[in-house]
């Protein structure tokens, strides 16, 4: 089994965006998370 599933990658993206943009970003939504046939998500 791989270490990073789509949910874990999505959390990393959100955390990085919040750290990078600080107060300039209010809300991030990731949806349509899939692991098969490849990792995919919409922001």
PDB file of N, CA and C in Angstrom:
ATOM      1  N   UNK A   1       0.842  -1.178   0.000  1.00  0.00           N
ATOM      2  CA  UNK A   1       0.000   0.000   0.000  1.00  0.00           C
ATOM      3  C   UNK A   1       0.890   1.246   0.000  1.00  0.00           C
ATOM      4  N   UNK A   2       0.497   2.251  -0.745  1.00  0.00           N
ATOM      5  CA  UNK A   2       1.276   3.475  -0.797  1.00  0.00           C
ATOM      6  C   UNK A   2       1.045   4.312   0.453  1.00  0.00           C
ATOM      7  N   UNK A   3       2.055   5.076   0.808  1.00  0.00           N
ATOM      8  CA  UNK A   3       2.004   5.893   2.002  1.00  0.00           C
ATOM      9  C   UNK A   3       1.008   7.041   1.873  1.00  0.00           C
ATOM     10  N   UNK A   4       0.987   7.736   0.725  1.00  0.00           N
ATOM     11  CA  UNK A   4       0.127   8.899   0.542  1.00  0.00           C
ATOM     12  C   UNK A   4      -1.089   8.561  -0.300  1.00  0.00           C
ATOM     13  N   UNK A   5      -2.234   8.606   0.310  1.00  0.00           N
ATOM     14  CA  UNK A   5      -3.474   8.469  -0.425  1.00  0.00           C
ATOM     15  C   UNK A   5      -3.953   9.861  -0.791  1.00  0.00           C
ATOM     16  N   UNK A   6      -4.959   9.958  -1.601  1.00  0.00           N
ATOM     17  CA  UNK A   6      -5.458  11.257  -2.056  1.00  0.00           C
ATOM     18  C   UNK A   6      -5.842  12.171  -0.896  1.00  0.00           C
ATOM     19  N   UNK A   7      -6.449  11.626   0.140  1.00  0.00           N
ATOM     20  CA  UNK A   7      -6.850  12.449   1.289  1.00  0.00           C
ATOM     21  C   UNK A   7      -5.636  13.056   1.986  1.00  0.00           C
ATOM     22  N   UNK A   8      -4.588  12.286   2.137  1.00  0.00           N
ATOM     23  CA  UNK A   8      -3.382  12.790   2.784  1.00  0.00           C
ATOM     24  C   UNK A   8      -2.723  13.871   1.938  1.00  0.00           C
ATOM     25  N   UNK A   9      -2.689  13.672   0.635  1.00  0.00           N
ATOM     26  CA  UNK A   9      -2.115  14.666  -0.272  1.00  0.00           C
ATOM     27  C   UNK A   9      -2.952  15.943  -0.229  1.00  0.00           C
ATOM     28  N   UNK A  10      -4.261  15.794  -0.205  1.00  0.00           N
ATOM     29  CA  UNK A  10      -5.152  16.957  -0.135  1.00  0.00           C
ATOM     30  C   UNK A  10      -4.900  17.755   1.142  1.00  0.00           C
ATOM     31  N   UNK A  11      -4.737  17.077   2.269  1.00  0.00           N
ATOM     32  CA  UNK A  11      -4.441  17.778   3.530  1.00  0.00           C
ATOM     33  C   UNK A  11      -3.111  18.516   3.450  1.00  0.00           C
ATOM     34  N   UNK A  12      -2.124  17.912   2.817  1.00  0.00           N
ATOM     35  CA  UNK A  12      -0.829  18.572   2.646  1.00  0.00           C
ATOM     36  C   UNK A  12      -0.957  19.826   1.794  1.00  0.00           C
ATOM     37  N   UNK A  13      -1.761  19.752   0.738  1.00  0.00           N
ATOM     38  CA  UNK A  13      -1.969  20.913  -0.134  1.00  0.00           C
ATOM     39  C   UNK A  13      -2.640  22.039   0.643  1.00  0.00           C
ATOM     40  N   UNK A  14      -3.672  21.713   1.400  1.00  0.00           N
ATOM     41  CA  UNK A  14      -4.380  22.735   2.184  1.00  0.00           C
ATOM     42  C   UNK A  14      -3.452  23.362   3.207  1.00  0.00           C
ATOM     43  N   UNK A  15      -2.694  22.557   3.925  1.00  0.00           N
ATOM     44  CA  UNK A  15      -1.786  23.066   4.941  1.00  0.00           C
ATOM     45  C   UNK A  15      -0.724  23.984   4.317  1.00  0.00           C
ATOM     46  N   UNK A  16      -0.166  23.574   3.203  1.00  0.00           N
ATOM     47  CA  UNK A  16       0.855  24.375   2.522  1.00  0.00           C
ATOM     48  C   UNK A  16       0.271  25.687   2.018  1.00  0.00           C
ATOM     49  N   UNK A  17      -0.922  25.645   1.452  1.00  0.00           N
ATOM     50  CA  UNK A  17      -1.565  26.867   0.952  1.00  0.00           C
ATOM     51  C   UNK A  17      -1.836  27.840   2.093  1.00  0.00           C
ATOM     52  N   UNK A  18      -2.310  27.335   3.230  1.00  0.00           N
ATOM     53  CA  UNK A  18      -2.570  28.210   4.380  1.00  0.00           C
ATOM     54  C   UNK A  18      -1.279  28.826   4.901  1.00  0.00           C
ATOM     55  N   UNK A  19      -0.208  28.045   4.941  1.00  0.00           N
ATOM     56  CA  UNK A  19       1.078  28.573   5.399  1.00  0.00           C
ATOM     57  C   UNK A  19       1.632  29.604   4.421  1.00  0.00           C
ATOM     58  N   UNK A  20       1.427  29.374   3.146  1.00  0.00           N
ATOM     59  CA  UNK A  20       1.974  30.264   2.117  1.00  0.00           C
ATOM     60  C   UNK A  20       1.202  31.566   2.010  1.00  0.00           C
ATOM     61  N   UNK A  21      -0.136  31.485   2.003  1.00  0.00           N
ATOM     62  CA  UNK A  21      -0.962  32.656   1.751  1.00  0.00           C
ATOM     63  C   UNK A  21      -1.458  33.347   3.020  1.00  0.00           C
ATOM     64  N   UNK A  22      -1.261  32.741   4.182  1.00  0.00           N
ATOM     65  CA  UNK A  22      -1.661  33.312   5.472  1.00  0.00           C
ATOM     66  C   UNK A  22      -3.068  33.888   5.439  1.00  0.00           C
ATOM     67  N   UNK A  23      -3.194  35.191   5.627  1.00  0.00           N
ATOM     68  CA  UNK A  23      -4.498  35.840   5.710  1.00  0.00           C
ATOM     69  C   UNK A  23      -5.130  36.110   4.348  1.00  0.00           C
ATOM     70  N   UNK A  24      -4.397  35.911   3.278  1.00  0.00           N
ATOM     71  CA  UNK A  24      -4.917  36.200   1.938  1.00  0.00           C
ATOM     72  C   UNK A  24      -5.842  35.111   1.421  1.00  0.00           C
ATOM     73  N   UNK A  25      -5.949  34.015   2.145  1.00  0.00           N
ATOM     74  CA  UNK A  25      -6.811  32.918   1.713  1.00  0.00           C
ATOM     75  C   UNK A  25      -7.774  32.602   2.848  1.00  0.00           C
ATOM     76  N   UNK A  26      -9.049  32.468   2.517  1.00  0.00           N
ATOM     77  CA  UNK A  26     -10.065  32.242   3.548  1.00  0.00           C
ATOM     78  C   UNK A  26     -10.539  30.803   3.612  1.00  0.00           C
ATOM     79  N   UNK A  27     -10.762  30.215   2.461  1.00  0.00           N
ATOM     80  CA  UNK A  27     -11.364  28.894   2.455  1.00  0.00           C
ATOM     81  C   UNK A  27     -10.868  28.104   1.250  1.00  0.00           C
ATOM     82  N   UNK A  28     -10.435  26.901   1.489  1.00  0.00           N
ATOM     83  CA  UNK A  28     -10.000  26.009   0.416  1.00  0.00           C
ATOM     84  C   UNK A  28     -10.883  24.768   0.476  1.00  0.00           C
ATOM     85  N   UNK A  29     -11.390  24.390  -0.659  1.00  0.00           N
ATOM     86  CA  UNK A  29     -12.211  23.187  -0.724  1.00  0.00           C
ATOM     87  C   UNK A  29     -11.633  22.255  -1.783  1.00  0.00           C
ATOM     88  N   UNK A  30     -11.395  21.039  -1.371  1.00  0.00           N
ATOM     89  CA  UNK A  30     -10.975  19.992  -2.300  1.00  0.00           C
ATOM     90  C   UNK A  30     -12.126  19.015  -2.434  1.00  0.00           C
ATOM     91  N   UNK A  31     -12.448  18.636  -3.663  1.00  0.00           N
ATOM     92  CA  UNK A  31     -13.540  17.706  -3.871  1.00  0.00           C
ATOM     93  C   UNK A  31     -13.208  16.784  -5.029  1.00  0.00           C
ATOM     94  N   UNK A  32     -14.029  15.791  -5.209  1.00  0.00           N
ATOM     95  CA  UNK A  32     -13.817  14.757  -6.225  1.00  0.00           C
ATOM     96  C   UNK A  32     -12.478  14.043  -6.034  1.00  0.00           C
ATOM     97  N   UNK A  33     -12.190  13.671  -4.807  1.00  0.00           N
ATOM     98  CA  UNK A  33     -10.959  12.941  -4.525  1.00  0.00           C
ATOM     99  C   UNK A  33     -11.081  11.504  -5.004  1.00  0.00           C
ATOM    100  N   UNK A  34     -10.093  11.044  -5.768  1.00  0.00           N
ATOM    101  CA  UNK A  34     -10.072   9.655  -6.214  1.00  0.00           C
ATOM    102  C   UNK A  34      -8.653   9.111  -6.152  1.00  0.00           C
ATOM    103  N   UNK A  35      -8.540   7.821  -5.900  1.00  0.00           N
ATOM    104  CA  UNK A  35      -7.256   7.131  -5.923  1.00  0.00           C
ATOM    105  C   UNK A  35      -7.110   6.274  -7.179  1.00  0.00           C
ATOM    106  N   UNK A  36      -8.220   5.923  -7.793  1.00  0.00           N
ATOM    107  CA  UNK A  36      -8.211   5.031  -8.951  1.00  0.00           C
ATOM    108  C   UNK A  36      -8.855   5.715 -10.144  1.00  0.00           C
ATOM    109  N   UNK A  37      -8.374   5.629 -11.314  1.00  0.00           N
ATOM    110  CA  UNK A  37      -7.196   4.897 -11.752  1.00  0.00           C
ATOM    111  C   UNK A  37      -5.903   5.633 -11.419  1.00  0.00           C
ATOM    112  N   UNK A  38      -6.012   6.883 -10.964  1.00  0.00           N
ATOM    113  CA  UNK A  38      -4.852   7.651 -10.519  1.00  0.00           C
ATOM    114  C   UNK A  38      -5.334   8.671  -9.498  1.00  0.00           C
ATOM    115  N   UNK A  39      -4.415   9.270  -8.761  1.00  0.00           N
ATOM    116  CA  UNK A  39      -4.794  10.262  -7.753  1.00  0.00           C
ATOM    117  C   UNK A  39      -5.249  11.534  -8.438  1.00  0.00           C
ATOM    118  N   UNK A  40      -6.448  11.998  -8.074  1.00  0.00           N
ATOM    119  CA  UNK A  40      -7.026  13.165  -8.712  1.00  0.00           C
ATOM    120  C   UNK A  40      -7.911  13.885  -7.707  1.00  0.00           C
ATOM    121  N   UNK A  41      -7.913  15.213  -7.773  1.00  0.00           N
ATOM    122  CA  UNK A  41      -8.792  16.019  -6.936  1.00  0.00           C
ATOM    123  C   UNK A  41      -8.949  17.396  -7.559  1.00  0.00           C
ATOM    124  N   UNK A  42     -10.035  18.062  -7.205  1.00  0.00           N
ATOM    125  CA  UNK A  42     -10.320  19.411  -7.683  1.00  0.00           C
ATOM    126  C   UNK A  42     -10.200  20.371  -6.504  1.00  0.00           C
ATOM    127  N   UNK A  43      -9.685  21.554  -6.791  1.00  0.00           N
ATOM    128  CA  UNK A  43      -9.552  22.581  -5.743  1.00  0.00           C
ATOM    129  C   UNK A  43     -10.566  23.666  -6.023  1.00  0.00           C
TER     130      UNK A  43
END
